[in-house]
N, C-alpha and C. Protein backbone atom coordinates (compact mmCIF):
# COMPACT_ATOMS: atom_id res chain seq x y z
N HIS A 1 0.59 -1.25 0.36
CA HIS A 1 0.30 0.24 0.25
C HIS A 1 0.75 0.79 -0.06
N SER A 2 0.16 2.37 -0.67
CA SER A 2 1.45 3.00 -0.66
C SER A 2 0.27 4.45 -0.15
N SER A 3 0.74 5.45 0.55
CA SER A 3 -0.05 6.31 0.65
C SER A 3 0.71 8.24 0.48
N SER A 4 -0.34 8.78 0.26
CA SER A 4 0.16 10.43 -0.20
C SER A 4 -0.33 11.21 0.51
N THR A 5 -0.47 12.54 1.30
CA THR A 5 -0.68 13.22 1.17
C THR A 5 -2.22 14.61 0.81
N GLY A 6 -3.07 14.45 0.43
CA GLY A 6 -4.04 14.90 0.14
C GLY A 6 -3.62 16.53 0.51
N THR A 7 -4.47 17.18 -0.43
CA THR A 7 -4.95 18.56 -0.09
C THR A 7 -6.29 18.91 0.03
N VAL A 8 -6.90 19.12 1.03
CA VAL A 8 -8.38 19.36 1.44
C VAL A 8 -9.43 20.41 0.88
N GLU A 9 -10.32 20.23 0.68
CA GLU A 9 -11.29 21.40 0.55
C GLU A 9 -11.99 21.48 1.48
N THR A 10 -12.80 22.44 1.92
CA THR A 10 -14.25 22.84 2.71
C THR A 10 -15.95 22.82 2.19
N GLU A 11 -16.54 21.59 1.53
CA GLU A 11 -17.50 21.90 0.88
C GLU A 11 -18.44 22.92 1.82
N PRO A 12 -19.64 23.37 0.99
CA PRO A 12 -20.34 24.59 1.68
C PRO A 12 -21.47 23.56 3.36
N ASP A 13 -21.21 22.14 3.23
CA ASP A 13 -21.53 21.64 3.82
C ASP A 13 -21.57 21.07 4.87
N GLY A 14 -20.01 21.91 4.95
CA GLY A 14 -19.21 21.29 6.26
C GLY A 14 -18.37 19.62 6.23
N LEU A 15 -18.05 19.60 5.10
CA LEU A 15 -17.36 18.37 4.64
C LEU A 15 -16.36 18.72 4.40
N ILE A 16 -15.03 17.81 4.60
CA ILE A 16 -13.61 18.66 4.16
C ILE A 16 -13.83 17.67 3.12
N LEU A 17 -13.65 17.53 2.05
CA LEU A 17 -13.01 16.69 0.60
C LEU A 17 -11.70 15.66 0.89
N ILE A 18 -11.31 15.11 0.97
CA ILE A 18 -10.25 14.22 1.06
C ILE A 18 -9.97 13.72 0.10
N GLY A 19 -10.89 13.08 -1.24
CA GLY A 19 -9.73 12.64 -2.59
C GLY A 19 -10.82 11.76 -3.31
N LYS A 20 -11.21 11.28 -4.06
CA LYS A 20 -11.37 10.03 -5.46
C LYS A 20 -12.01 9.20 -4.26
N GLU A 21 -12.66 7.88 -4.12
CA GLU A 21 -12.86 6.82 -3.68
C GLU A 21 -12.12 5.54 -4.61
N GLY A 22 -12.11 6.27 -5.70
CA GLY A 22 -11.55 4.52 -6.63
C GLY A 22 -9.08 5.67 -5.79
N ASP A 23 -9.23 6.01 -6.17
CA ASP A 23 -7.45 6.27 -5.94
C ASP A 23 -8.10 5.81 -3.94
N ILE A 24 -8.19 6.08 -3.55
CA ILE A 24 -8.05 5.89 -1.96
C ILE A 24 -8.56 4.12 -2.11
N LYS A 25 -9.37 3.90 -2.32
CA LYS A 25 -9.56 2.25 -2.47
C LYS A 25 -8.20 1.44 -3.41
N LYS A 26 -7.31 2.22 -3.92
CA LYS A 26 -6.59 1.32 -4.92
C LYS A 26 -5.01 1.48 -3.72
N SER A 27 -4.82 2.44 -3.50
CA SER A 27 -3.69 3.16 -2.60
C SER A 27 -3.82 2.50 -1.72
N GLY A 28 -4.97 2.02 -0.75
CA GLY A 28 -5.65 1.37 0.48
C GLY A 28 -5.22 2.58 1.65
N ARG A 29 -4.78 3.77 1.88
CA ARG A 29 -5.07 4.80 2.60
C ARG A 29 -4.38 6.01 1.82
N VAL A 30 -4.61 7.13 2.66
CA VAL A 30 -4.23 8.77 2.53
C VAL A 30 -4.52 9.46 2.91
N THR A 31 -3.44 9.92 3.26
CA THR A 31 -2.70 11.13 4.50
C THR A 31 -3.62 12.95 4.39
N ALA A 32 -4.19 13.17 5.26
CA ALA A 32 -4.54 14.75 4.47
C ALA A 32 -4.66 15.33 5.74
N ARG A 33 -4.64 16.82 5.32
CA ARG A 33 -4.56 17.65 7.12
C ARG A 33 -5.88 18.24 6.94
N VAL A 34 -6.36 18.02 7.99
CA VAL A 34 -7.96 18.31 8.08
C VAL A 34 -8.20 19.12 9.86
N ASN A 35 -8.51 20.53 9.82
CA ASN A 35 -8.16 21.43 10.23
C ASN A 35 -6.99 21.43 10.94
N GLY A 36 -5.77 21.58 10.27
CA GLY A 36 -4.72 21.64 10.33
C GLY A 36 -3.99 20.22 11.50
N ARG A 37 -4.66 18.87 11.60
CA ARG A 37 -3.87 17.81 12.06
C ARG A 37 -4.30 16.72 10.86
N GLU A 38 -3.25 15.92 11.01
CA GLU A 38 -3.40 14.78 9.93
C GLU A 38 -3.64 13.71 10.89
N VAL A 39 -4.32 13.35 9.53
CA VAL A 39 -5.40 12.07 9.81
C VAL A 39 -4.67 11.07 8.48
N VAL A 40 -5.49 10.41 8.51
CA VAL A 40 -5.04 8.78 7.70
C VAL A 40 -6.55 9.07 7.16
N VAL A 41 -6.84 8.28 5.80
CA VAL A 41 -7.94 7.26 5.89
C VAL A 41 -7.80 6.48 5.23
N PHE A 42 -8.31 5.01 5.71
CA PHE A 42 -8.01 3.32 5.21
C PHE A 42 -8.77 2.73 4.51
N TYR A 43 -9.21 2.01 3.35
CA TYR A 43 -9.67 1.43 2.61
C TYR A 43 -8.93 0.15 3.32
N HIS A 44 -10.31 -0.37 3.53
CA HIS A 44 -9.49 -1.90 4.71
C HIS A 44 -10.84 -3.03 4.35
N GLU A 45 -10.63 -4.19 3.75
CA GLU A 45 -11.69 -5.17 3.89
C GLU A 45 -13.52 -4.44 3.13
N GLY A 46 -13.53 -3.44 2.17
CA GLY A 46 -14.73 -3.09 1.51
C GLY A 46 -15.21 -1.65 2.54
N LYS A 47 -14.44 -1.53 3.51
CA LYS A 47 -15.18 -0.27 4.09
C LYS A 47 -13.54 0.88 4.30
N PHE A 48 -14.48 2.12 4.30
CA PHE A 48 -13.25 3.46 4.83
C PHE A 48 -13.55 3.77 6.34
N HIS A 49 -12.18 4.25 6.62
CA HIS A 49 -11.69 4.47 8.65
C HIS A 49 -11.12 5.79 7.96
N ALA A 50 -11.41 6.35 9.22
CA ALA A 50 -10.60 6.89 9.32
C ALA A 50 -10.20 8.26 10.47
N MET A 51 -8.57 8.14 11.53
CA MET A 51 -8.28 8.07 12.85
C MET A 51 -7.05 9.50 12.35
N ASP A 52 -6.98 10.01 13.62
CA ASP A 52 -5.89 10.89 14.05
C ASP A 52 -4.24 9.73 12.96
N SER A 53 -3.68 10.58 12.87
CA SER A 53 -2.34 9.56 12.17
C SER A 53 -1.75 9.57 13.26
N ARG A 54 -1.68 10.61 14.46
CA ARG A 54 -0.80 10.12 15.43
C ARG A 54 -1.25 8.81 16.14
N CYS A 55 -0.16 8.18 17.13
CA CYS A 55 -0.33 7.57 18.22
C CYS A 55 -1.13 8.59 19.36
N TYR A 56 -1.77 7.61 19.90
CA TYR A 56 -1.88 8.87 21.04
C TYR A 56 -0.72 8.51 22.63
N ARG A 57 0.59 8.20 22.23
CA ARG A 57 1.71 8.05 23.23
C ARG A 57 2.29 9.00 22.07
N LYS A 58 2.95 9.15 21.24
CA LYS A 58 3.35 9.90 20.33
C LYS A 58 2.82 9.90 18.92
N ILE A 59 3.34 8.76 17.68
CA ILE A 59 3.54 8.98 16.50
C ILE A 59 3.41 7.70 15.85
N PHE A 60 3.03 7.53 14.94
CA PHE A 60 2.61 6.68 14.00
C PHE A 60 3.86 6.68 13.32
N ALA A 61 4.36 7.42 13.25
CA ALA A 61 5.71 7.78 12.25
C ALA A 61 5.40 7.25 10.27
N ARG A 62 4.42 7.59 10.63
CA ARG A 62 4.26 7.43 8.32
C ARG A 62 4.29 5.60 8.45
N MET A 63 3.92 5.33 8.72
CA MET A 63 4.28 3.92 8.99
C MET A 63 2.65 2.81 9.03
N ILE A 64 1.68 3.28 9.28
CA ILE A 64 0.94 3.14 8.90
C ILE A 64 -0.05 2.08 8.57
N SER A 65 0.78 0.99 7.80
CA SER A 65 0.76 -0.35 6.91
C SER A 65 0.32 -1.46 7.98
N MET A 66 0.57 -1.47 8.63
CA MET A 66 0.50 -2.64 10.04
C MET A 66 -0.82 -2.88 10.47
N LEU A 67 -1.28 -3.41 9.62
CA LEU A 67 -3.00 -3.29 9.76
C LEU A 67 -2.67 -5.14 10.14
N GLN A 68 -4.10 -5.39 11.12
CA GLN A 68 -4.10 -7.07 11.15
C GLN A 68 -5.43 -6.88 12.10
N ASP A 69 -5.64 -8.07 11.77
CA ASP A 69 -7.04 -8.31 12.65
C ASP A 69 -6.93 -9.09 13.97
N ILE A 70 -7.65 -8.90 14.56
CA ILE A 70 -7.57 -9.11 16.66
C ILE A 70 -9.01 -9.36 17.20
N ASN A 71 -9.42 -10.79 17.14
CA ASN A 71 -10.52 -10.54 18.31
C ASN A 71 -11.68 -10.39 17.15
N GLY A 72 -11.41 -10.59 15.27
CA GLY A 72 -12.22 -10.43 15.18
C GLY A 72 -12.75 -8.07 14.74
N GLN A 73 -11.70 -7.67 15.24
CA GLN A 73 -11.95 -6.57 15.26
C GLN A 73 -10.69 -5.99 13.94
N ALA A 74 -10.69 -5.66 13.09
CA ALA A 74 -9.28 -4.42 12.18
C ALA A 74 -8.91 -3.66 13.07
N CYS A 75 -8.19 -4.15 13.47
CA CYS A 75 -6.64 -3.11 14.21
C CYS A 75 -5.53 -2.09 13.04
N ILE A 76 -4.97 -1.41 13.50
CA ILE A 76 -3.64 -0.48 13.73
C ILE A 76 -2.72 -0.61 14.60
N VAL A 77 -1.34 -1.21 13.99
CA VAL A 77 -0.57 -1.75 14.98
C VAL A 77 0.91 -0.50 14.93
N CYS A 78 0.92 0.31 16.37
CA CYS A 78 1.89 1.58 16.07
C CYS A 78 3.17 0.94 15.86
N PRO A 79 4.00 0.89 15.05
CA PRO A 79 5.57 0.06 15.04
C PRO A 79 6.15 1.24 16.11
N TRP A 80 5.78 2.15 16.24
CA TRP A 80 6.82 2.18 17.67
C TRP A 80 6.03 1.57 19.33
N HIS A 81 5.27 1.37 19.46
CA HIS A 81 4.83 1.32 20.76
C HIS A 81 4.24 -0.06 20.40
N LYS A 82 4.11 -0.71 19.62
CA LYS A 82 3.07 -2.04 19.45
C LYS A 82 1.61 -1.54 19.71
N PHE A 83 1.05 -0.78 20.01
CA PHE A 83 -0.29 -0.43 20.55
C PHE A 83 -0.91 -1.33 19.81
N LYS A 84 -2.46 -1.61 20.02
CA LYS A 84 -2.80 -2.01 18.57
C LYS A 84 -4.91 -1.30 18.79
N ILE A 85 -5.29 -0.49 18.03
CA ILE A 85 -5.91 0.21 18.18
C ILE A 85 -6.84 0.17 17.15
N THR A 86 -8.21 0.06 16.93
CA THR A 86 -9.28 -1.07 16.55
C THR A 86 -9.43 0.72 15.31
N LEU A 87 -9.94 -0.25 14.00
CA LEU A 87 -9.95 0.81 13.19
C LEU A 87 -11.81 1.69 13.46
N GLU A 88 -12.36 -0.15 14.00
CA GLU A 88 -14.12 1.38 13.91
C GLU A 88 -14.27 2.35 15.11
N THR A 89 -13.83 1.59 15.77
CA THR A 89 -13.93 2.74 17.45
C THR A 89 -12.53 3.11 18.06
N GLY A 90 -11.33 3.24 17.57
CA GLY A 90 -10.66 4.12 18.15
C GLY A 90 -9.58 3.69 19.36
N GLU A 91 -10.22 2.25 20.05
CA GLU A 91 -10.40 1.75 21.18
C GLU A 91 -8.47 0.94 21.17
N GLY A 92 -7.97 1.50 21.94
CA GLY A 92 -6.84 0.64 22.24
C GLY A 92 -7.19 -1.06 23.06
N LEU A 93 -6.39 -1.68 22.62
CA LEU A 93 -6.42 -3.06 22.98
C LEU A 93 -5.29 -3.47 23.77
N TYR A 94 -5.39 -4.52 24.69
CA TYR A 94 -4.16 -5.02 24.94
C TYR A 94 -4.37 -6.41 25.54
N GLU A 95 -3.64 -7.47 25.60
CA GLU A 95 -3.88 -8.43 25.80
C GLU A 95 -3.37 -9.06 27.69
N GLY A 96 -4.52 -9.59 28.19
CA GLY A 96 -4.12 -9.52 29.49
C GLY A 96 -4.99 -10.78 30.42
N ILE A 97 -4.38 -11.25 31.06
CA ILE A 97 -4.78 -12.36 32.33
C ILE A 97 -6.27 -12.16 33.67
N ASN A 98 -6.58 -12.93 33.75
CA ASN A 98 -7.75 -12.66 34.84
C ASN A 98 -6.26 -13.94 36.14
N PRO A 99 -5.48 -13.44 36.87
CA PRO A 99 -5.00 -14.60 37.77
C PRO A 99 -5.97 -14.76 38.96
N LEU A 100 -7.42 -15.04 38.23
CA LEU A 100 -7.76 -15.38 39.50
C LEU A 100 -8.93 -16.59 38.92
N GLU A 101 -8.44 -16.96 37.42
CA GLU A 101 -8.74 -17.57 37.15
C GLU A 101 -8.13 -18.90 37.34
N PRO A 102 -8.26 -20.48 37.26
CA PRO A 102 -8.14 -21.44 37.40
C PRO A 102 -6.91 -21.78 36.19
N SER A 103 -6.56 -21.55 35.05
CA SER A 103 -6.00 -21.79 34.33
C SER A 103 -6.07 -20.52 33.27
N PRO A 104 -5.34 -19.72 34.16
CA PRO A 104 -5.47 -18.19 33.25
C PRO A 104 -4.77 -18.32 31.94
N THR A 105 -5.83 -17.72 30.74
CA THR A 105 -5.16 -17.58 29.18
C THR A 105 -5.44 -16.11 29.02
N PRO A 106 -4.58 -15.42 27.87
CA PRO A 106 -4.36 -14.15 27.91
C PRO A 106 -6.23 -13.61 27.07
N GLN A 107 -6.48 -13.13 27.11
CA GLN A 107 -7.95 -12.12 26.37
C GLN A 107 -7.43 -11.33 26.09
N TRP A 108 -8.17 -10.71 24.93
CA TRP A 108 -7.82 -9.43 24.57
C TRP A 108 -8.59 -8.49 25.50
N GLN A 109 -8.33 -7.25 25.78
CA GLN A 109 -9.18 -5.83 26.89
C GLN A 109 -8.98 -5.14 26.41
N SER A 110 -10.09 -3.68 26.40
CA SER A 110 -10.33 -2.79 25.99
C SER A 110 -9.27 -1.55 27.10
N LYS A 111 -8.42 -0.87 26.26
CA LYS A 111 -7.83 -0.10 27.26
C LYS A 111 -8.75 1.36 26.76
N GLY A 112 -10.02 1.31 26.34
CA GLY A 112 -11.06 2.64 26.41
C GLY A 112 -10.93 2.93 24.65
N VAL A 113 -11.57 4.21 24.92
CA VAL A 113 -11.16 4.68 23.30
C VAL A 113 -10.01 5.71 23.41
N LYS A 114 -9.29 5.86 22.72
CA LYS A 114 -7.70 6.37 22.80
C LYS A 114 -7.79 7.43 21.66
N GLN A 115 -7.67 6.91 20.19
CA GLN A 115 -7.18 7.32 19.72
C GLN A 115 -8.68 8.26 18.40
N ARG A 116 -8.95 9.34 18.52
CA ARG A 116 -9.58 10.25 17.60
C ARG A 116 -10.28 9.04 16.25
N ILE A 117 -11.39 9.06 16.08
CA ILE A 117 -12.15 8.59 14.61
C ILE A 117 -12.64 9.42 14.72
N HIS A 118 -13.15 9.38 12.79
CA HIS A 118 -13.23 10.36 12.40
C HIS A 118 -13.95 10.16 11.05
N LYS A 119 -15.50 10.80 11.07
CA LYS A 119 -16.75 10.30 10.18
C LYS A 119 -16.44 10.58 8.57
N VAL A 120 -16.19 9.20 7.68
CA VAL A 120 -15.97 9.15 6.94
C VAL A 120 -17.16 9.15 6.07
N THR A 121 -18.00 10.01 4.66
CA THR A 121 -18.62 10.22 3.88
C THR A 121 -17.91 10.02 2.72
N ILE A 122 -19.31 9.25 1.27
CA ILE A 122 -19.05 8.86 1.13
C ILE A 122 -19.70 9.55 -0.09
N VAL A 123 -19.58 10.36 -1.13
CA VAL A 123 -20.91 11.39 -2.45
C VAL A 123 -20.48 11.54 -3.38
N ASN A 124 -21.04 10.57 -4.29
CA ASN A 124 -20.60 10.56 -6.19
C ASN A 124 -19.39 10.62 -5.92
N GLY A 125 -18.91 9.39 -5.41
CA GLY A 125 -17.01 8.80 -5.95
C GLY A 125 -16.39 9.94 -5.16
N ASN A 126 -16.53 10.53 -4.41
CA ASN A 126 -16.03 11.10 -3.52
C ASN A 126 -15.44 11.40 -2.01
N VAL A 127 -14.73 11.41 -1.42
CA VAL A 127 -14.41 10.54 0.07
C VAL A 127 -14.49 12.06 0.88
N TYR A 128 -15.12 12.05 1.72
CA TYR A 128 -15.21 12.93 2.88
C TYR A 128 -15.08 12.71 4.34
N LEU A 129 -14.78 13.78 5.12
CA LEU A 129 -14.82 13.74 6.31
C LEU A 129 -15.35 15.34 7.11
N SER A 130 -15.97 14.29 8.32
CA SER A 130 -16.96 15.49 8.70
C SER A 130 -16.00 16.07 9.55
N PRO A 131 -15.83 17.04 9.87
CA PRO A 131 -14.80 17.81 11.19
C PRO A 131 -15.07 17.44 12.50
N PRO A 132 -13.94 17.07 13.12
CA PRO A 132 -14.13 16.87 14.55
C PRO A 132 -14.90 17.32 15.01
N ASP A 133 -15.47 16.21 15.94
CA ASP A 133 -16.11 17.24 17.16
C ASP A 133 -15.18 17.50 18.52
N LEU A 134 -15.02 18.45 18.63
CA LEU A 134 -13.65 18.85 19.53
C LEU A 134 -14.08 18.93 21.06
N SER A 135 -15.63 18.84 21.30
CA SER A 135 -16.05 18.76 22.45
C SER A 135 -15.69 17.58 23.01
N VAL A 136 -15.59 16.78 22.60
CA VAL A 136 -15.07 15.79 23.77
C VAL A 136 -13.55 15.06 23.36
N SER A 137 -12.65 15.27 24.53
CA SER A 137 -11.29 14.57 24.16
C SER A 137 -11.11 13.09 23.93
N PHE A 138 -9.94 13.23 23.19
CA PHE A 138 -9.30 11.71 22.71
C PHE A 138 -7.92 11.94 23.34
N ASP A 139 -6.92 11.01 23.89
CA ASP A 139 -5.67 11.04 23.87
C ASP A 139 -4.77 10.89 23.07
N SER A 140 -5.32 10.68 21.88
CA SER A 140 -4.50 11.22 20.10
C SER A 140 -4.30 12.81 20.65
N ASP A 141 -6.02 13.47 20.96
CA ASP A 141 -5.49 14.83 20.36
C ASP A 141 -3.99 15.37 21.02
N TYR A 142 -3.87 14.65 22.53
CA TYR A 142 -2.40 15.77 22.25
C TYR A 142 -1.80 16.07 21.09
N PHE A 143 -1.29 14.14 21.15
CA PHE A 143 -0.10 15.17 19.68
C PHE A 143 -0.60 15.79 18.83
N ALA A 144 -1.52 14.62 18.26
CA ALA A 144 -2.72 15.93 17.09
C ALA A 144 -2.21 17.49 17.26
N ASP A 145 -2.61 17.57 18.19
CA ASP A 145 -2.51 19.57 18.70
C ASP A 145 -1.23 19.59 18.07
N LYS A 146 -0.05 19.00 19.34
CA LYS A 146 1.06 19.53 19.66
C LYS A 146 2.20 19.51 17.99
N TYR A 147 1.91 18.53 16.93
CA TYR A 147 2.35 18.42 15.63
C TYR A 147 1.22 19.23 15.16
N LYS A 148 0.61 19.95 15.23
CA LYS A 148 -0.42 20.51 14.02
C LYS A 148 0.29 21.42 13.46
N ASN A 149 -0.34 21.37 11.83
CA ASN A 149 -0.30 22.31 10.94
C ASN A 149 1.55 22.52 10.65
N GLY A 150 2.34 20.72 10.97
CA GLY A 150 3.46 21.05 10.15
C GLY A 150 4.61 20.81 10.97
N GLY A 151 4.70 20.46 12.69
CA GLY A 151 5.61 20.48 13.31
C GLY A 151 6.35 19.52 13.29
N ASP A 152 6.57 18.92 13.89
CA ASP A 152 8.02 17.46 13.38
C ASP A 152 7.20 16.52 13.26
N LEU A 153 7.42 16.35 12.25
CA LEU A 153 7.02 14.71 11.26
C LEU A 153 7.23 13.92 11.43
N ALA A 154 8.87 13.94 11.49
CA ALA A 154 10.46 12.82 11.24
C ALA A 154 9.78 11.83 12.25
N MET A 155 10.06 12.56 13.92
CA MET A 155 9.85 11.63 15.13
C MET A 155 9.93 10.24 14.99
């Protein structure tokens, strides 16, 4: 999969044009700036997903091609921290055991929603994002804001 940084345009209804549906399907993903923050849009297993491109603990360093199916959920894996984040909800997942079980076996658990997810809309072959609802805060907002408008992307 390849990635490119798109130029976004805001439509009259507030939706932000990211690119052509066919182009994103072909490349698998596109990175764009939305209201100054870097967002990545994925096309994975027939669905579009969008999230902040910076891991809630630092950055994805643009190596976002590490997709994995975990417990029936499509996830991105941060190459720096190995954190697993669901594409659908932005939940952080970890494998843990319950020591009170007679034979404890690791089970996937949720850390809660850590990564901001952006709503994707397809209209006439174009892919749009809704502006983020910043009245609700997520852990990924810290680094999305810190590196807003082109901060140090190479870390």
